[in-house]
Amino acid sequence: QASHREPRGPFPLLLAAPPDAPAAMPGKPRETGTVTSWNMARPGKKNAEGYGFVAVDGREDSKSTNLFLYADNIKDSKMRSEAKIFGLKQGKRISFFIEEAKSARQSSLAVEVEPMRGEGGGGGGGGGGGGGGG
């Protein structure tokens, strides 16, 4: 007796992400921020591609909240080459996902980093106000 059910073979394939989909962190929004400093690679060092720090928009700019950025975590190939050869300029605007630190001794990482597009080179934020006297 012939079964009238459809074969179940192809269905799981529909659930797979298309090959060009970014390996994004599911459910996390892209963040934006500013490069605060860049350290060029020292030849022979383990992290020989250079690294820097990123202040995340909407967070205070401090050592505890800034993200670590390795040149190899820059997704945009032109920007990655620029970072490795010349370094990234302080104040450069970028977008990225945050990869949380794996331990308390490490900083969180900015990953899948891309340059901000369509920003008119804008200036940085204003300075803090002075305190009042007595």
N, C-alpha and C. Protein backbone atom coordinates (compact mmCIF):
# COMPACT_ATOMS: atom_id res chain seq x y z
N GLN A 1 0.86 -1.19 0.00
CA GLN A 1 0.00 0.00 0.00
C GLN A 1 0.89 1.24 0.00
N ALA A 2 0.66 2.16 -0.93
CA ALA A 2 1.51 3.35 -1.08
C ALA A 2 1.11 4.40 -0.05
N SER A 3 2.12 4.97 0.58
CA SER A 3 1.86 6.03 1.55
C SER A 3 1.63 7.34 0.78
N HIS A 4 0.69 8.15 1.21
CA HIS A 4 0.45 9.42 0.52
C HIS A 4 1.15 10.58 1.21
N ARG A 5 2.05 10.29 2.17
CA ARG A 5 2.79 11.38 2.83
C ARG A 5 3.94 11.85 1.95
N GLU A 6 4.25 13.13 2.06
CA GLU A 6 5.41 13.69 1.34
C GLU A 6 6.68 13.19 2.00
N PRO A 7 7.75 13.02 1.24
CA PRO A 7 9.03 12.67 1.88
C PRO A 7 9.50 13.84 2.74
N ARG A 8 10.15 13.52 3.85
CA ARG A 8 10.53 14.58 4.78
C ARG A 8 11.94 15.10 4.53
N GLY A 9 12.60 14.62 3.52
CA GLY A 9 14.01 14.95 3.30
C GLY A 9 14.38 16.42 3.26
N PRO A 10 13.80 17.21 2.37
CA PRO A 10 14.36 18.56 2.14
C PRO A 10 14.09 19.57 3.26
N PHE A 11 13.14 19.30 4.14
CA PHE A 11 12.76 20.36 5.09
C PHE A 11 13.88 20.90 5.96
N PRO A 12 14.73 20.07 6.53
CA PRO A 12 15.78 20.63 7.40
C PRO A 12 16.68 21.63 6.68
N LEU A 13 16.83 21.48 5.37
CA LEU A 13 17.68 22.41 4.64
C LEU A 13 17.14 23.83 4.69
N LEU A 14 15.84 23.97 4.78
CA LEU A 14 15.24 25.31 4.79
C LEU A 14 15.60 26.07 6.06
N LEU A 15 15.98 25.35 7.10
CA LEU A 15 16.30 26.01 8.36
C LEU A 15 17.74 26.53 8.40
N ALA A 16 18.56 26.05 7.48
CA ALA A 16 19.97 26.47 7.50
C ALA A 16 20.08 27.93 7.06
N ALA A 17 21.00 28.65 7.66
CA ALA A 17 21.22 30.04 7.27
C ALA A 17 21.87 30.06 5.89
N PRO A 18 21.56 31.06 5.08
CA PRO A 18 22.25 31.15 3.79
C PRO A 18 23.74 31.33 4.02
N PRO A 19 24.56 30.82 3.10
CA PRO A 19 26.01 30.84 3.35
C PRO A 19 26.59 32.24 3.53
N ASP A 20 25.92 33.25 2.94
CA ASP A 20 26.49 34.60 3.07
C ASP A 20 25.93 35.35 4.28
N ALA A 21 25.11 34.70 5.08
CA ALA A 21 24.59 35.38 6.27
C ALA A 21 25.74 35.63 7.24
N PRO A 22 25.77 36.79 7.88
CA PRO A 22 26.87 37.03 8.82
C PRO A 22 26.76 36.06 9.98
N ALA A 23 27.89 35.70 10.53
CA ALA A 23 27.89 34.80 11.68
C ALA A 23 27.58 35.64 12.91
N ALA A 24 26.48 36.34 12.85
CA ALA A 24 26.14 37.33 13.86
C ALA A 24 25.80 36.68 15.17
N MET A 25 25.92 37.45 16.23
CA MET A 25 25.52 36.97 17.53
C MET A 25 23.99 37.05 17.52
N PRO A 26 23.30 35.93 17.63
CA PRO A 26 21.84 35.97 17.49
C PRO A 26 21.20 36.86 18.55
N GLY A 27 20.28 37.67 18.10
CA GLY A 27 19.53 38.50 19.02
C GLY A 27 20.25 39.71 19.56
N LYS A 28 21.51 39.89 19.20
CA LYS A 28 22.23 41.05 19.71
C LYS A 28 22.24 42.14 18.64
N PRO A 29 22.01 43.38 19.04
CA PRO A 29 22.08 44.47 18.07
C PRO A 29 23.53 44.82 17.77
N ARG A 30 23.75 45.40 16.60
CA ARG A 30 25.08 45.96 16.33
C ARG A 30 25.24 47.20 17.18
N GLU A 31 26.40 47.36 17.77
CA GLU A 31 26.69 48.54 18.58
C GLU A 31 27.53 49.49 17.75
N THR A 32 27.62 50.72 18.20
CA THR A 32 28.50 51.69 17.55
C THR A 32 29.41 52.28 18.61
N GLY A 33 30.54 52.81 18.16
CA GLY A 33 31.47 53.39 19.11
C GLY A 33 32.62 54.07 18.40
N THR A 34 33.61 54.46 19.19
CA THR A 34 34.73 55.25 18.72
C THR A 34 36.03 54.62 19.17
N VAL A 35 37.00 54.53 18.26
CA VAL A 35 38.32 54.05 18.62
C VAL A 35 38.97 55.10 19.52
N THR A 36 39.40 54.68 20.72
CA THR A 36 40.01 55.65 21.65
C THR A 36 41.53 55.61 21.60
N SER A 37 42.10 54.45 21.23
CA SER A 37 43.56 54.37 21.11
C SER A 37 43.90 53.17 20.25
N TRP A 38 45.09 53.18 19.68
CA TRP A 38 45.55 52.05 18.87
C TRP A 38 47.02 51.79 19.16
N ASN A 39 47.37 50.54 19.30
CA ASN A 39 48.75 50.13 19.56
C ASN A 39 49.23 49.30 18.38
N MET A 40 50.25 49.79 17.71
CA MET A 40 50.78 49.06 16.57
C MET A 40 51.42 47.76 17.06
N ALA A 41 51.42 46.78 16.18
CA ALA A 41 52.00 45.48 16.51
C ALA A 41 53.50 45.62 16.72
N ARG A 42 54.02 44.85 17.64
CA ARG A 42 55.47 44.73 17.78
C ARG A 42 55.87 43.43 17.11
N PRO A 43 56.85 43.48 16.22
CA PRO A 43 57.23 42.25 15.52
C PRO A 43 57.58 41.14 16.51
N GLY A 44 57.11 39.94 16.20
CA GLY A 44 57.44 38.80 17.05
C GLY A 44 56.51 38.61 18.23
N LYS A 45 55.61 39.57 18.46
CA LYS A 45 54.68 39.42 19.57
C LYS A 45 53.53 38.50 19.17
N LYS A 46 52.87 37.94 20.18
CA LYS A 46 51.77 37.02 19.90
C LYS A 46 50.65 37.72 19.13
N ASN A 47 50.26 38.89 19.58
CA ASN A 47 49.19 39.63 18.89
C ASN A 47 49.83 40.58 17.89
N ALA A 48 50.44 40.01 16.87
CA ALA A 48 51.27 40.80 15.98
C ALA A 48 50.46 41.62 14.98
N GLU A 49 49.13 41.65 15.14
CA GLU A 49 48.36 42.42 14.18
C GLU A 49 47.99 43.80 14.71
N GLY A 50 48.32 44.11 15.94
CA GLY A 50 47.94 45.39 16.51
C GLY A 50 46.59 45.29 17.20
N TYR A 51 46.34 46.20 18.13
CA TYR A 51 45.09 46.19 18.87
C TYR A 51 44.80 47.59 19.38
N GLY A 52 43.56 47.78 19.77
CA GLY A 52 43.18 49.08 20.29
C GLY A 52 42.01 48.95 21.25
N PHE A 53 41.46 50.10 21.61
CA PHE A 53 40.33 50.14 22.53
C PHE A 53 39.22 50.96 21.92
N VAL A 54 37.98 50.59 22.28
CA VAL A 54 36.80 51.22 21.71
C VAL A 54 35.89 51.69 22.84
N ALA A 55 35.47 52.96 22.78
CA ALA A 55 34.44 53.46 23.69
C ALA A 55 33.09 53.19 23.03
N VAL A 56 32.20 52.51 23.75
CA VAL A 56 30.89 52.16 23.20
C VAL A 56 29.94 53.33 23.39
N ASP A 57 29.20 53.69 22.33
CA ASP A 57 28.22 54.76 22.44
C ASP A 57 27.21 54.42 23.54
N GLY A 58 26.88 55.41 24.36
CA GLY A 58 25.88 55.20 25.40
C GLY A 58 26.46 54.65 26.70
N ARG A 59 27.76 54.38 26.72
CA ARG A 59 28.42 53.96 27.97
C ARG A 59 29.46 55.00 28.30
N GLU A 60 29.78 55.13 29.59
CA GLU A 60 30.84 56.08 29.91
C GLU A 60 32.16 55.54 29.38
N ASP A 61 33.05 56.45 29.04
CA ASP A 61 34.35 56.08 28.48
C ASP A 61 35.30 55.81 29.64
N SER A 62 35.50 54.56 29.97
CA SER A 62 36.43 54.23 31.05
C SER A 62 37.09 52.89 30.75
N LYS A 63 38.18 52.62 31.45
CA LYS A 63 38.90 51.36 31.21
C LYS A 63 38.01 50.15 31.44
N SER A 64 37.07 50.25 32.36
CA SER A 64 36.25 49.08 32.67
C SER A 64 35.15 48.84 31.63
N THR A 65 34.73 49.89 30.91
CA THR A 65 33.65 49.70 29.94
C THR A 65 34.14 49.65 28.50
N ASN A 66 35.37 50.11 28.25
CA ASN A 66 35.87 50.09 26.88
C ASN A 66 36.14 48.66 26.42
N LEU A 67 35.98 48.44 25.13
CA LEU A 67 36.19 47.12 24.55
C LEU A 67 37.59 47.01 23.97
N PHE A 68 38.08 45.80 23.93
CA PHE A 68 39.35 45.47 23.30
C PHE A 68 39.06 45.21 21.83
N LEU A 69 39.92 45.68 20.95
CA LEU A 69 39.72 45.47 19.51
C LEU A 69 41.01 44.96 18.90
N TYR A 70 40.98 43.72 18.40
CA TYR A 70 42.12 43.19 17.65
C TYR A 70 41.92 43.49 16.17
N ALA A 71 43.01 43.78 15.47
CA ALA A 71 42.91 44.02 14.04
C ALA A 71 42.25 42.83 13.34
N ASP A 72 42.52 41.62 13.80
CA ASP A 72 41.94 40.45 13.14
C ASP A 72 40.44 40.32 13.35
N ASN A 73 39.86 41.09 14.28
CA ASN A 73 38.40 41.07 14.46
C ASN A 73 37.70 42.11 13.58
N ILE A 74 38.46 42.78 12.72
CA ILE A 74 37.86 43.75 11.80
C ILE A 74 37.41 42.98 10.57
N LYS A 75 36.10 43.03 10.30
CA LYS A 75 35.51 42.25 9.21
C LYS A 75 35.80 42.92 7.86
N ASP A 76 35.81 44.24 7.83
CA ASP A 76 36.03 44.99 6.59
C ASP A 76 37.50 44.87 6.19
N SER A 77 37.77 44.25 5.03
CA SER A 77 39.16 43.93 4.68
C SER A 77 40.03 45.17 4.48
N LYS A 78 39.45 46.22 3.90
CA LYS A 78 40.23 47.44 3.69
C LYS A 78 40.62 48.07 5.04
N MET A 79 39.67 48.12 5.93
CA MET A 79 39.93 48.69 7.25
C MET A 79 40.92 47.82 8.03
N ARG A 80 40.83 46.49 7.89
CA ARG A 80 41.75 45.59 8.60
C ARG A 80 43.18 45.83 8.13
N SER A 81 43.37 45.96 6.80
CA SER A 81 44.71 46.24 6.26
C SER A 81 45.23 47.56 6.80
N GLU A 82 44.36 48.57 6.79
CA GLU A 82 44.74 49.89 7.31
C GLU A 82 45.18 49.79 8.77
N ALA A 83 44.43 49.02 9.55
CA ALA A 83 44.75 48.87 10.98
C ALA A 83 46.11 48.22 11.16
N LYS A 84 46.40 47.19 10.36
CA LYS A 84 47.65 46.46 10.53
C LYS A 84 48.85 47.26 10.04
N ILE A 85 48.65 48.05 8.97
CA ILE A 85 49.80 48.76 8.38
C ILE A 85 50.00 50.12 9.03
N PHE A 86 48.91 50.87 9.17
CA PHE A 86 49.03 52.26 9.65
C PHE A 86 48.46 52.45 11.05
N GLY A 87 47.61 51.53 11.49
CA GLY A 87 46.91 51.74 12.75
C GLY A 87 45.61 52.50 12.51
N LEU A 88 44.69 52.39 13.44
CA LEU A 88 43.43 53.13 13.32
C LEU A 88 43.57 54.46 14.05
N LYS A 89 42.99 55.48 13.46
CA LYS A 89 43.07 56.81 14.06
C LYS A 89 42.13 56.90 15.26
N GLN A 90 42.60 57.59 16.27
CA GLN A 90 41.76 57.88 17.42
C GLN A 90 40.55 58.66 16.93
N GLY A 91 39.37 58.32 17.40
CA GLY A 91 38.16 59.01 16.97
C GLY A 91 37.46 58.36 15.80
N LYS A 92 38.04 57.30 15.22
CA LYS A 92 37.39 56.61 14.10
C LYS A 92 36.10 55.96 14.58
N ARG A 93 35.02 56.17 13.81
CA ARG A 93 33.70 55.63 14.17
C ARG A 93 33.53 54.24 13.56
N ILE A 94 33.09 53.29 14.38
CA ILE A 94 32.94 51.92 13.91
C ILE A 94 31.64 51.32 14.42
N SER A 95 31.23 50.22 13.79
CA SER A 95 30.10 49.44 14.31
C SER A 95 30.60 48.01 14.51
N PHE A 96 29.95 47.28 15.44
CA PHE A 96 30.51 45.99 15.86
C PHE A 96 29.50 45.26 16.73
N PHE A 97 29.79 43.98 16.99
CA PHE A 97 29.08 43.22 18.01
C PHE A 97 30.00 43.12 19.22
N ILE A 98 29.42 42.95 20.39
CA ILE A 98 30.21 42.80 21.61
C ILE A 98 30.28 41.32 21.97
N GLU A 99 31.49 40.82 22.11
CA GLU A 99 31.69 39.46 22.60
C GLU A 99 32.12 39.59 24.06
N GLU A 100 31.27 39.11 24.95
CA GLU A 100 31.53 39.31 26.38
C GLU A 100 32.80 38.58 26.80
N ALA A 101 33.47 39.14 27.79
CA ALA A 101 34.71 38.56 28.31
C ALA A 101 34.43 37.17 28.86
N LYS A 102 35.40 36.29 28.66
CA LYS A 102 35.24 34.92 29.16
C LYS A 102 35.63 34.80 30.64
N SER A 103 36.36 35.78 31.15
CA SER A 103 36.71 35.77 32.57
C SER A 103 36.82 37.21 33.05
N ALA A 104 36.84 37.38 34.36
CA ALA A 104 36.88 38.72 34.94
C ALA A 104 38.18 39.45 34.60
N ARG A 105 39.23 38.70 34.26
CA ARG A 105 40.52 39.34 34.00
C ARG A 105 40.62 39.85 32.57
N GLN A 106 39.68 39.46 31.71
CA GLN A 106 39.75 39.88 30.32
C GLN A 106 38.76 41.00 30.05
N SER A 107 39.04 41.76 28.99
CA SER A 107 38.08 42.76 28.54
C SER A 107 37.14 42.12 27.54
N SER A 108 35.94 42.67 27.42
CA SER A 108 35.05 42.25 26.35
C SER A 108 35.65 42.69 25.03
N LEU A 109 35.28 42.01 23.96
CA LEU A 109 35.86 42.28 22.64
C LEU A 109 34.85 42.92 21.70
N ALA A 110 35.34 43.81 20.85
CA ALA A 110 34.56 44.27 19.70
C ALA A 110 34.88 43.30 18.56
N VAL A 111 33.85 42.67 17.97
CA VAL A 111 34.06 41.71 16.90
C VAL A 111 33.20 42.07 15.68
N GLU A 112 33.55 41.48 14.53
CA GLU A 112 32.87 41.78 13.26
C GLU A 112 32.82 43.29 13.04
N VAL A 113 33.95 43.92 13.25
CA VAL A 113 34.04 45.38 13.21
C VAL A 113 34.00 45.89 11.77
N GLU A 114 33.22 46.93 11.55
CA GLU A 114 33.15 47.58 10.25
C GLU A 114 33.17 49.09 10.46
N PRO A 115 33.66 49.83 9.45
CA PRO A 115 33.63 51.29 9.58
C PRO A 115 32.19 51.78 9.54
N MET A 116 31.92 52.87 10.22
CA MET A 116 30.59 53.48 10.13
C MET A 116 30.47 54.12 8.76
N ARG A 117 29.35 53.90 8.12
CA ARG A 117 29.15 54.47 6.79
C ARG A 117 28.15 55.61 6.87
N GLY A 118 28.33 56.58 6.00
CA GLY A 118 27.34 57.65 5.90
C GLY A 118 27.36 58.64 7.04
N GLU A 119 28.43 58.64 7.82
CA GLU A 119 28.53 59.68 8.86
C GLU A 119 29.40 60.78 8.31
N GLY A 120 28.97 62.00 8.45
CA GLY A 120 29.72 63.10 7.88
C GLY A 120 30.95 63.43 8.69
N GLY A 121 31.78 62.49 8.93
CA GLY A 121 33.03 62.71 9.64
C GLY A 121 32.88 63.29 11.02
N GLY A 122 31.69 63.41 11.54
CA GLY A 122 31.32 64.16 12.72
C GLY A 122 32.36 64.30 13.82
N GLY A 123 32.21 65.30 14.63
CA GLY A 123 33.15 65.54 15.72
C GLY A 123 32.81 64.67 16.91
N GLY A 124 33.70 64.65 17.87
CA GLY A 124 33.48 63.86 19.08
C GLY A 124 32.50 64.57 20.00
N GLY A 125 32.17 63.93 21.10
CA GLY A 125 31.24 64.53 22.06
C GLY A 125 31.90 65.66 22.82
N GLY A 126 31.09 66.44 23.51
CA GLY A 126 31.62 67.57 24.28
C GLY A 126 32.31 67.10 25.54
N GLY A 127 33.09 67.97 26.14
CA GLY A 127 33.78 67.62 27.39
C GLY A 127 32.83 67.71 28.56
N GLY A 128 33.25 67.22 29.70
CA GLY A 128 32.42 67.28 30.90
C GLY A 128 32.43 68.69 31.48
N GLY A 129 31.38 69.03 32.22
CA GLY A 129 31.31 70.35 32.83
C GLY A 129 32.22 70.44 34.05
N GLY A 130 32.62 71.63 34.41
CA GLY A 130 33.47 71.82 35.59
C GLY A 130 32.62 71.77 36.85
N GLY A 131 33.26 71.49 37.96
CA GLY A 131 32.54 71.45 39.24
C GLY A 131 32.42 72.86 39.81
N GLY A 132 31.40 73.08 40.61
CA GLY A 132 31.22 74.40 41.21
C GLY A 132 32.10 74.57 42.44
N GLY A 133 32.45 75.78 42.75
CA GLY A 133 33.27 76.06 43.94
C GLY A 133 32.39 76.20 45.17
N GLY A 134 33.01 76.45 46.33
CA GLY A 134 32.24 76.55 47.57
C GLY A 134 31.89 77.90 47.90
